């Protein structure tokens, strides 16, 4: 019994490793603040709000991809969302990087407290 259980367990763990990451676990991609340095504080604040909204929508899509991958692995042994392109981790990393860059630009431009992200 141990001989058949171990390979199946290893296969399941490998499939789960290929699943979409949770939005919270995705690290921000580096984005330079230089393009934002010439923006006004109002423009930076508005852009932060816009990107936070885009990040929230992308996070919902990523969470759905993660859920679909888990279900796919359980039912057919494949992370279907990751295989079909629904995993948008790079987009989330880019949004997070842009938010970080805008916050750095706000500090550089003495804009005060940045909106909560």
C-alpha atoms as a PDB file:
ATOM      1  CA  UNK A   1       0.000   0.000   0.000  1.00  0.00           C
ATOM      2  CA  UNK A   2       2.852   2.383   0.839  1.00  0.00           C
ATOM      3  CA  UNK A   3       4.285   1.876  -2.655  1.00  0.00           C
ATOM      4  CA  UNK A   4       1.158   3.227  -4.350  1.00  0.00           C
ATOM      5  CA  UNK A   5       0.321   5.946  -1.835  1.00  0.00           C
ATOM      6  CA  UNK A   6       3.711   7.666  -1.918  1.00  0.00           C
ATOM      7  CA  UNK A   7       3.838   8.232  -5.701  1.00  0.00           C
ATOM      8  CA  UNK A   8       0.243   9.509  -5.710  1.00  0.00           C
ATOM      9  CA  UNK A   9       0.997  11.882  -2.856  1.00  0.00           C
ATOM     10  CA  UNK A  10       4.117  13.158  -4.617  1.00  0.00           C
ATOM     11  CA  UNK A  11       2.178  13.662  -7.857  1.00  0.00           C
ATOM     12  CA  UNK A  12      -0.552  15.597  -6.041  1.00  0.00           C
ATOM     13  CA  UNK A  13       2.019  17.827  -4.338  1.00  0.00           C
ATOM     14  CA  UNK A  14       3.717  18.552  -7.660  1.00  0.00           C
ATOM     15  CA  UNK A  15       0.405  19.546  -9.219  1.00  0.00           C
ATOM     16  CA  UNK A  16      -0.443  21.777  -6.271  1.00  0.00           C
ATOM     17  CA  UNK A  17       2.927  23.479  -6.591  1.00  0.00           C
ATOM     18  CA  UNK A  18       1.947  24.489 -10.133  1.00  0.00           C
ATOM     19  CA  UNK A  19      -1.266  26.123  -8.897  1.00  0.00           C
ATOM     20  CA  UNK A  20      -1.878  29.842  -9.065  1.00  0.00           C
ATOM     21  CA  UNK A  21      -0.485  31.809  -6.118  1.00  0.00           C
ATOM     22  CA  UNK A  22      -2.746  33.680  -3.768  1.00  0.00           C
ATOM     23  CA  UNK A  23      -2.792  37.431  -4.521  1.00  0.00           C
ATOM     24  CA  UNK A  24      -1.373  38.201  -1.079  1.00  0.00           C
ATOM     25  CA  UNK A  25       1.691  36.029  -1.659  1.00  0.00           C
ATOM     26  CA  UNK A  26       2.703  37.736  -4.913  1.00  0.00           C
ATOM     27  CA  UNK A  27       5.643  40.089  -4.420  1.00  0.00           C
ATOM     28  CA  UNK A  28       5.673  43.484  -6.131  1.00  0.00           C
ATOM     29  CA  UNK A  29       7.709  43.826  -9.308  1.00  0.00           C
ATOM     30  CA  UNK A  30      10.231  46.638  -9.177  1.00  0.00           C
ATOM     31  CA  UNK A  31       8.920  49.760 -10.878  1.00  0.00           C
ATOM     32  CA  UNK A  32      10.902  52.995 -11.021  1.00  0.00           C
ATOM     33  CA  UNK A  33       9.362  56.097  -9.502  1.00  0.00           C
ATOM     34  CA  UNK A  34      11.133  58.361 -12.004  1.00  0.00           C
ATOM     35  CA  UNK A  35       8.170  58.573 -14.423  1.00  0.00           C
ATOM     36  CA  UNK A  36       5.983  59.742 -11.525  1.00  0.00           C
ATOM     37  CA  UNK A  37       8.399  62.377 -10.127  1.00  0.00           C
ATOM     38  CA  UNK A  38       6.977  65.163 -12.317  1.00  0.00           C
ATOM     39  CA  UNK A  39       3.356  64.413 -11.374  1.00  0.00           C
ATOM     40  CA  UNK A  40       1.413  66.611  -8.964  1.00  0.00           C
ATOM     41  CA  UNK A  41       0.312  65.254  -5.606  1.00  0.00           C
ATOM     42  CA  UNK A  42      -3.296  65.170  -6.839  1.00  0.00           C
ATOM     43  CA  UNK A  43      -2.296  63.170  -9.932  1.00  0.00           C
ATOM     44  CA  UNK A  44      -0.316  60.723  -7.799  1.00  0.00           C
ATOM     45  CA  UNK A  45      -3.213  60.299  -5.394  1.00  0.00           C
ATOM     46  CA  UNK A  46      -5.680  59.720  -8.237  1.00  0.00           C
ATOM     47  CA  UNK A  47      -3.319  57.215  -9.869  1.00  0.00           C
ATOM     48  CA  UNK A  48      -2.924  55.344  -6.590  1.00  0.00           C
ATOM     49  CA  UNK A  49      -6.686  55.015  -6.320  1.00  0.00           C
ATOM     50  CA  UNK A  50      -6.976  53.843  -9.944  1.00  0.00           C
ATOM     51  CA  UNK A  51      -4.243  51.228  -9.565  1.00  0.00           C
ATOM     52  CA  UNK A  52      -5.646  50.010  -6.234  1.00  0.00           C
ATOM     53  CA  UNK A  53      -8.993  49.429  -7.949  1.00  0.00           C
ATOM     54  CA  UNK A  54      -7.293  47.533 -10.786  1.00  0.00           C
ATOM     55  CA  UNK A  55      -5.321  45.506  -8.221  1.00  0.00           C
ATOM     56  CA  UNK A  56      -8.514  44.622  -6.356  1.00  0.00           C
ATOM     57  CA  UNK A  57     -10.170  43.389  -9.560  1.00  0.00           C
ATOM     58  CA  UNK A  58      -7.069  41.423 -10.576  1.00  0.00           C
ATOM     59  CA  UNK A  59      -6.841  39.919  -7.080  1.00  0.00           C
ATOM     60  CA  UNK A  60     -10.397  38.587  -7.393  1.00  0.00           C
ATOM     61  CA  UNK A  61      -9.515  37.032 -10.757  1.00  0.00           C
ATOM     62  CA  UNK A  62      -6.321  35.523  -9.308  1.00  0.00           C
ATOM     63  CA  UNK A  63      -8.187  34.091  -6.326  1.00  0.00           C
ATOM     64  CA  UNK A  64     -10.709  32.516  -8.714  1.00  0.00           C
ATOM     65  CA  UNK A  65      -7.833  31.026 -10.722  1.00  0.00           C
ATOM     66  CA  UNK A  66      -6.355  29.620  -7.516  1.00  0.00           C
ATOM     67  CA  UNK A  67      -9.704  28.085  -6.548  1.00  0.00           C
ATOM     68  CA  UNK A  68     -10.169  26.623 -10.032  1.00  0.00           C
ATOM     69  CA  UNK A  69      -6.655  25.164  -9.938  1.00  0.00           C
ATOM     70  CA  UNK A  70      -7.372  23.483  -6.618  1.00  0.00           C
ATOM     71  CA  UNK A  71     -10.631  22.014  -7.898  1.00  0.00           C
ATOM     72  CA  UNK A  72      -8.942  20.944 -11.142  1.00  0.00           C
ATOM     73  CA  UNK A  73      -6.152  19.167  -9.280  1.00  0.00           C
ATOM     74  CA  UNK A  74      -8.656  17.373  -7.071  1.00  0.00           C
ATOM     75  CA  UNK A  75     -10.953  16.336  -9.934  1.00  0.00           C
ATOM     76  CA  UNK A  76      -8.628  15.702 -12.878  1.00  0.00           C
ATOM     77  CA  UNK A  77      -5.126  16.123 -11.495  1.00  0.00           C
ATOM     78  CA  UNK A  78      -4.325  19.308 -13.451  1.00  0.00           C
ATOM     79  CA  UNK A  79      -4.183  22.985 -12.456  1.00  0.00           C
ATOM     80  CA  UNK A  80      -6.605  24.059 -15.189  1.00  0.00           C
ATOM     81  CA  UNK A  81      -6.459  27.827 -14.596  1.00  0.00           C
ATOM     82  CA  UNK A  82      -2.680  27.930 -14.667  1.00  0.00           C
ATOM     83  CA  UNK A  83      -2.676  25.897 -17.856  1.00  0.00           C
ATOM     84  CA  UNK A  84      -5.356  28.039 -19.544  1.00  0.00           C
ATOM     85  CA  UNK A  85      -3.722  31.402 -18.810  1.00  0.00           C
ATOM     86  CA  UNK A  86      -6.105  32.589 -16.087  1.00  0.00           C
ATOM     87  CA  UNK A  87      -3.202  32.917 -13.646  1.00  0.00           C
ATOM     88  CA  UNK A  88      -2.362  36.655 -13.716  1.00  0.00           C
ATOM     89  CA  UNK A  89       0.363  36.783 -11.069  1.00  0.00           C
ATOM     90  CA  UNK A  90       2.681  38.959 -13.234  1.00  0.00           C
ATOM     91  CA  UNK A  91      -0.064  41.566 -13.635  1.00  0.00           C
ATOM     92  CA  UNK A  92      -0.644  41.665  -9.876  1.00  0.00           C
ATOM     93  CA  UNK A  93       3.101  42.000  -9.261  1.00  0.00           C
ATOM     94  CA  UNK A  94       3.176  44.925 -11.703  1.00  0.00           C
ATOM     95  CA  UNK A  95       0.258  46.704  -9.991  1.00  0.00           C
ATOM     96  CA  UNK A  96       1.923  46.269  -6.603  1.00  0.00           C
ATOM     97  CA  UNK A  97       5.187  47.614  -8.019  1.00  0.00           C
ATOM     98  CA  UNK A  98       3.428  50.648  -9.481  1.00  0.00           C
ATOM     99  CA  UNK A  99       1.808  51.398  -6.124  1.00  0.00           C
ATOM    100  CA  UNK A 100       5.215  51.207  -4.428  1.00  0.00           C
ATOM    101  CA  UNK A 101       6.732  53.514  -7.077  1.00  0.00           C
ATOM    102  CA  UNK A 102       3.928  56.056  -6.654  1.00  0.00           C
ATOM    103  CA  UNK A 103       4.380  56.012  -2.877  1.00  0.00           C
ATOM    104  CA  UNK A 104       8.109  56.678  -3.313  1.00  0.00           C
ATOM    105  CA  UNK A 105       7.316  59.544  -5.708  1.00  0.00           C
ATOM    106  CA  UNK A 106       4.824  60.971  -3.196  1.00  0.00           C
ATOM    107  CA  UNK A 107       7.529  60.941  -0.532  1.00  0.00           C
ATOM    108  CA  UNK A 108      10.029  62.529  -2.916  1.00  0.00           C
ATOM    109  CA  UNK A 109       7.506  65.252  -3.852  1.00  0.00           C
ATOM    110  CA  UNK A 110       6.572  65.886  -0.208  1.00  0.00           C
ATOM    111  CA  UNK A 111       2.935  64.997  -0.820  1.00  0.00           C
ATOM    112  CA  UNK A 112       2.261  63.930   2.734  1.00  0.00           C
ATOM    113  CA  UNK A 113       0.533  60.690   3.546  1.00  0.00           C
ATOM    114  CA  UNK A 114      -0.247  58.493   0.582  1.00  0.00           C
ATOM    115  CA  UNK A 115      -3.733  56.969   0.318  1.00  0.00           C
ATOM    116  CA  UNK A 116      -4.061  53.564   1.959  1.00  0.00           C
ATOM    117  CA  UNK A 117      -3.421  50.693  -0.399  1.00  0.00           C
END
